[in-house]
Amino acid sequence: MSTNPLCSTCGTQFPPADPPEVCPICADERQYLPPGGQRWTTLDRLRAGRANTWRTLEPGLFAIHTEPGFAIGQRALLLRSPGGNVLFDCIALLDEATVTLIRALGGLAAIAISHPHYYTTMVEWAHAFEAPVFLHADDRSWVMRPDPSLRFWDAETCVLHDGITLIRIGGHFDGAAVLHWPAGSNGDGALLVGDVIAVVQDRRHVTFMRSYPNFIPLPPSAVRRAVAAIDSLPFDRVYGAFPNRDIVGEGKAAILRSARRYISWSRDEG
């Protein structure tokens, strides 16, 4: 059983005590409190009415998504690798079927999360698979449920295993990170980005925002820094935070092209 308070708007789980008056993550300008005010639920209640669906994105990469949708509605990406499986980003719902399937695939060697909006029930996932959770230290203050399983890295990159690497690009959050999977896309490389870099509807471009629900843009300097952080990495595919938000070819060119477009439209020419 898991009766820890769970924010219904962002999916963040809190310790098993009285929750705060409002969720700090939703009270921040990058998220929002719904018109009806703060609402709480629990993981047990979530399990009663929802289930996780699975989709193969390419050999060795699965998307896990909750239906009906909950909170922000992101998906988790399960990457299979010889040195151990990696979960990139978390979703709030962890149920018995999901645990069974992941264990059948070899369990998890590591969990890595792009930014605080996707922390959700990361401690539940860590305990279920006895896996460490890698978070950037710049975002430590956004952890609502501390736990010994959390591992804070504070460099610009963090190598997990098999060349799988987290890269801090900042922007959306100070410690916001993407994950480079060198074996992805048949060895051409893949970049898992959450919505730190967001794949947009045409699936040929991305965008960069401080807040997506509140439409707060990032300054051009932040976009330049993000692109510089990944410029040396080889990758052909880009996998985003939401279903069907993927760029399945020439992904690096798409990011560079999108950054130029963003910066061009951000200039004030009077």
Protein backbone atom coordinates (compact mmCIF):
# COMPACT_ATOMS: atom_id res chain seq x y z
CA MET A 1 0.00 0.00 0.00
CA SER A 2 1.06 3.56 -0.65
CA THR A 3 -0.97 6.31 0.95
CA ASN A 4 1.58 9.13 0.69
CA PRO A 5 -0.03 12.36 -0.54
CA LEU A 6 0.22 12.78 -4.29
CA CYS A 7 -0.38 16.13 -6.02
CA SER A 8 -3.13 15.64 -8.61
CA THR A 9 -1.80 18.44 -10.83
CA CYS A 10 1.87 17.49 -11.22
CA GLY A 11 1.99 13.97 -9.73
CA THR A 12 4.65 14.75 -7.11
CA GLN A 13 4.62 12.46 -4.08
CA PHE A 14 5.18 13.78 -0.54
CA PRO A 15 6.22 12.07 2.71
CA PRO A 16 3.54 10.19 4.68
CA ALA A 17 2.47 13.15 6.80
CA ASP A 18 0.07 16.02 6.34
CA PRO A 19 0.82 17.56 2.94
CA PRO A 20 1.57 21.29 2.62
CA GLU A 21 -1.26 23.69 1.91
CA VAL A 22 -0.15 23.80 -1.71
CA CYS A 23 2.37 21.79 -3.73
CA PRO A 24 5.53 23.92 -4.05
CA ILE A 25 6.19 22.62 -7.55
CA CYS A 26 2.75 23.70 -8.74
CA ALA A 27 2.96 27.04 -6.90
CA ASP A 28 6.08 27.89 -8.93
CA GLU A 29 5.55 30.02 -12.06
CA ARG A 30 6.54 27.10 -14.31
CA GLN A 31 3.54 25.04 -13.18
CA TYR A 32 0.11 26.09 -11.95
CA LEU A 33 -2.57 25.51 -9.35
CA PRO A 34 -5.90 24.59 -10.96
CA PRO A 35 -8.87 26.99 -10.65
CA GLY A 36 -10.45 24.75 -8.03
CA GLY A 37 -7.35 24.89 -5.85
CA GLN A 38 -4.95 22.23 -4.62
CA ARG A 39 -6.11 18.63 -4.95
CA TRP A 40 -4.50 15.52 -3.49
CA THR A 41 -4.72 11.81 -4.19
CA THR A 42 -2.62 8.71 -3.43
CA LEU A 43 -0.85 6.08 -5.47
CA ASP A 44 -3.35 3.48 -4.25
CA ARG A 45 -6.25 5.54 -5.61
CA LEU A 46 -4.38 6.02 -8.86
CA ARG A 47 -3.93 2.27 -9.24
CA ALA A 48 -7.66 1.71 -8.87
CA GLY A 49 -8.65 3.58 -12.02
CA ARG A 50 -5.66 3.65 -14.37
CA ALA A 51 -3.12 1.40 -16.04
CA ASN A 52 0.18 1.84 -17.86
CA THR A 53 0.45 1.17 -21.57
CA TRP A 54 3.65 0.15 -23.36
CA ARG A 55 4.98 0.98 -26.80
CA THR A 56 8.19 -0.05 -28.54
CA LEU A 57 9.90 3.03 -30.00
CA GLU A 58 12.88 1.17 -31.44
CA PRO A 59 14.80 -1.98 -30.47
CA GLY A 60 15.83 -1.56 -26.85
CA LEU A 61 13.60 1.44 -26.10
CA PHE A 62 10.09 1.37 -24.63
CA ALA A 63 7.67 4.16 -23.76
CA ILE A 64 5.48 3.72 -20.66
CA HIS A 65 2.41 5.95 -20.47
CA THR A 66 -0.57 6.09 -18.10
CA GLU A 67 -4.13 5.80 -19.42
CA PRO A 68 -6.40 7.62 -18.76
CA GLY A 69 -3.92 10.48 -18.49
CA PHE A 70 -2.90 11.85 -15.11
CA ALA A 71 -1.31 15.14 -14.00
CA ILE A 72 1.18 16.47 -16.59
CA GLY A 73 0.75 13.36 -18.73
CA GLN A 74 4.39 12.64 -19.61
CA ARG A 75 5.73 9.21 -20.41
CA ALA A 76 8.70 7.32 -18.99
CA LEU A 77 11.30 5.83 -21.35
CA LEU A 78 12.85 2.45 -20.57
CA LEU A 79 16.22 1.96 -22.26
CA ARG A 80 17.73 -1.53 -22.38
CA SER A 81 21.52 -1.83 -22.30
CA PRO A 82 24.06 -4.60 -21.58
CA GLY A 83 25.22 -2.89 -18.37
CA GLY A 84 21.66 -2.62 -17.07
CA ASN A 85 18.37 -0.98 -17.97
CA VAL A 86 17.82 2.74 -17.44
CA LEU A 87 14.53 4.50 -16.82
CA PHE A 88 14.53 8.08 -18.05
CA ASP A 89 11.92 10.27 -16.34
CA CYS A 90 9.18 8.97 -14.09
CA ILE A 91 5.43 8.73 -14.22
CA ALA A 92 3.33 8.71 -11.08
CA LEU A 93 1.64 5.35 -11.61
CA LEU A 94 3.70 2.33 -10.59
CA ASP A 95 1.49 -0.75 -10.46
CA GLU A 96 2.01 -4.50 -10.14
CA ALA A 97 1.87 -5.11 -13.89
CA THR A 98 4.55 -2.51 -14.56
CA VAL A 99 6.82 -3.96 -11.88
CA THR A 100 6.35 -7.47 -13.29
CA LEU A 101 7.12 -6.42 -16.85
CA ILE A 102 10.23 -4.42 -15.94
CA ARG A 103 11.57 -7.24 -13.78
CA ALA A 104 11.03 -9.63 -16.69
CA LEU A 105 13.13 -7.30 -18.84
CA GLY A 106 15.97 -7.40 -16.31
CA GLY A 107 14.94 -4.75 -13.79
CA LEU A 108 16.54 -1.32 -13.55
CA ALA A 109 20.18 -0.43 -12.96
CA ALA A 110 19.45 3.29 -12.77
CA ILE A 111 16.69 5.88 -12.88
CA ALA A 112 17.52 9.30 -14.31
CA ILE A 113 15.14 12.26 -14.30
CA SER A 114 15.34 15.32 -16.49
CA HIS A 115 13.83 17.89 -14.11
CA PRO A 116 11.52 18.30 -11.06
CA HIS A 117 8.21 18.19 -12.96
CA TYR A 118 8.88 14.49 -13.54
CA TYR A 119 10.11 13.50 -10.07
CA THR A 120 6.60 12.18 -9.25
CA THR A 121 6.86 8.84 -7.40
CA MET A 122 10.58 8.33 -8.06
CA VAL A 123 11.15 6.96 -4.54
CA GLU A 124 8.53 4.24 -5.12
CA TRP A 125 10.29 3.25 -8.36
CA ALA A 126 13.67 3.25 -6.63
CA HIS A 127 12.44 0.97 -3.85
CA ALA A 128 10.62 -1.40 -6.21
CA PHE A 129 13.74 -2.04 -8.30
CA GLU A 130 16.48 -1.27 -5.73
CA ALA A 131 17.83 1.29 -8.20
CA PRO A 132 19.51 4.65 -7.57
CA VAL A 133 17.85 7.81 -8.87
CA PHE A 134 20.16 10.32 -10.54
CA LEU A 135 19.17 13.99 -10.13
CA HIS A 136 21.20 17.11 -10.75
CA ALA A 137 22.26 18.82 -7.53
CA ASP A 138 21.11 22.22 -8.82
CA ASP A 139 17.52 20.97 -8.43
CA ARG A 140 17.94 19.43 -4.97
CA SER A 141 15.61 22.00 -3.36
CA TRP A 142 12.69 20.66 -5.45
CA VAL A 143 12.85 17.18 -3.92
CA MET A 144 9.67 16.78 -1.86
CA ARG A 145 10.32 13.25 -0.58
CA PRO A 146 13.99 12.79 0.42
CA ASP A 147 15.35 9.26 0.37
CA PRO A 148 18.74 7.49 0.51
CA SER A 149 18.19 6.17 -3.03
CA LEU A 150 18.64 9.67 -4.50
CA ARG A 151 22.05 10.37 -6.06
CA PHE A 152 22.88 14.00 -6.78
CA TRP A 153 25.43 14.78 -9.48
CA ASP A 154 26.84 18.28 -9.79
CA ALA A 155 29.06 18.29 -12.90
CA GLU A 156 28.05 19.16 -16.45
CA THR A 157 27.80 15.49 -17.38
CA CYS A 158 27.19 12.19 -15.57
CA VAL A 159 28.16 8.90 -17.24
CA LEU A 160 25.97 5.99 -16.11
CA HIS A 161 27.29 2.94 -18.02
CA ASP A 162 27.73 1.75 -21.63
CA GLY A 163 28.38 5.36 -22.62
CA ILE A 164 24.89 6.44 -21.53
CA THR A 165 25.37 10.00 -20.35
CA LEU A 166 23.31 12.70 -18.67
CA ILE A 167 24.06 16.24 -19.83
CA ARG A 168 22.99 19.32 -17.90
CA ILE A 169 21.61 21.91 -20.31
CA GLY A 170 19.72 24.13 -17.84
CA GLY A 171 17.02 26.46 -19.09
CA HIS A 172 13.72 24.95 -17.99
CA PHE A 173 15.32 24.32 -14.55
CA ASP A 174 18.88 25.06 -13.44
CA GLY A 175 19.73 21.36 -13.35
CA ALA A 176 17.61 20.30 -16.32
CA ALA A 177 19.24 17.40 -18.16
CA VAL A 178 18.92 15.29 -21.27
CA LEU A 179 20.21 11.75 -21.81
CA HIS A 180 22.49 10.64 -24.66
CA TRP A 181 22.17 7.00 -25.71
CA PRO A 182 25.03 6.30 -28.12
CA ALA A 183 23.72 2.86 -29.14
CA GLY A 184 20.31 4.26 -30.10
CA SER A 185 19.05 4.61 -33.67
CA ASN A 186 21.10 1.61 -34.83
CA GLY A 187 24.30 3.10 -33.46
CA ASP A 188 23.76 6.62 -34.82
CA GLY A 189 22.77 7.80 -31.34
CA ALA A 190 19.58 9.06 -29.72
CA LEU A 191 18.84 11.95 -27.39
CA LEU A 192 16.12 11.60 -24.72
CA VAL A 193 14.99 15.11 -23.85
CA GLY A 194 11.79 15.12 -21.77
CA ASP A 195 10.44 18.60 -22.36
CA VAL A 196 13.68 20.31 -21.39
CA ILE A 197 13.92 20.44 -25.17
CA ALA A 198 10.37 19.94 -26.38
CA VAL A 199 9.52 18.19 -29.64
CA VAL A 200 6.67 20.16 -31.23
CA GLN A 201 3.68 19.08 -33.29
CA ASP A 202 5.32 19.06 -36.72
CA ARG A 203 7.98 16.62 -35.40
CA ARG A 204 10.62 18.42 -37.43
CA HIS A 205 11.38 21.08 -34.82
CA VAL A 206 11.76 21.56 -31.09
CA THR A 207 11.28 24.51 -28.77
CA PHE A 208 12.71 25.72 -25.49
CA MET A 209 10.57 27.21 -22.69
CA ARG A 210 10.80 28.17 -19.05
CA SER A 211 7.11 27.30 -18.64
CA TYR A 212 4.99 25.39 -21.12
CA PRO A 213 1.56 25.77 -19.46
CA ASN A 214 2.15 29.47 -18.76
CA PHE A 215 3.98 30.25 -22.03
CA ILE A 216 7.09 31.79 -20.47
CA PRO A 217 9.94 31.70 -23.00
CA LEU A 218 13.63 31.33 -22.34
CA PRO A 219 16.10 34.05 -23.31
CA PRO A 220 18.29 33.40 -26.37
CA SER A 221 21.32 33.01 -24.10
CA ALA A 222 19.73 29.97 -22.43
CA VAL A 223 18.94 28.41 -25.81
CA ARG A 224 22.51 28.95 -26.98
CA ARG A 225 23.82 27.31 -23.82
CA ALA A 226 21.53 24.29 -24.25
CA VAL A 227 22.60 23.76 -27.84
CA ALA A 228 26.28 24.19 -26.98
CA ALA A 229 25.98 21.47 -24.32
CA ILE A 230 24.88 18.86 -26.88
CA ASP A 231 26.65 20.13 -29.99
CA SER A 232 29.48 17.59 -29.82
CA LEU A 233 27.16 14.59 -29.38
CA PRO A 234 26.28 12.32 -32.30
CA PHE A 235 22.57 11.51 -32.48
CA ASP A 236 19.99 10.93 -35.20
CA ARG A 237 16.78 10.55 -33.16
CA VAL A 238 15.17 12.73 -30.49
CA TYR A 239 12.62 11.28 -28.06
CA GLY A 240 10.37 13.75 -26.23
CA ALA A 241 8.26 13.67 -23.11
CA PHE A 242 4.89 12.88 -24.67
CA PRO A 243 3.47 10.18 -26.95
CA ASN A 244 4.26 10.69 -30.65
CA ARG A 245 6.64 13.58 -29.91
CA ASP A 246 9.70 12.06 -31.54
CA ILE A 247 12.05 13.06 -34.34
CA VAL A 248 13.07 9.83 -36.04
CA GLY A 249 15.77 11.15 -38.37
CA GLU A 250 18.21 14.07 -38.53
CA GLY A 251 17.33 14.96 -34.94
CA LYS A 252 20.48 16.94 -34.29
CA ALA A 253 19.93 19.07 -37.39
CA ALA A 254 16.35 19.67 -36.23
CA ILE A 255 17.51 20.98 -32.85
CA LEU A 256 20.11 23.26 -34.39
CA ARG A 257 17.63 24.56 -36.96
CA SER A 258 15.01 25.13 -34.26
CA ALA A 259 17.48 27.03 -32.07
CA ARG A 260 18.33 29.37 -34.93
CA ARG A 261 14.64 29.96 -35.58
CA TYR A 262 13.91 30.58 -31.91
CA ILE A 263 16.76 33.05 -31.53
CA SER A 264 15.78 34.84 -34.72
CA TRP A 265 12.23 35.42 -33.53
CA SER A 266 13.46 36.44 -30.07
CA ARG A 267 15.42 39.43 -31.38
CA ASP A 268 13.85 42.81 -30.87
CA GLU A 269 14.42 44.69 -34.12
CA GLY A 270 12.29 47.67 -33.11
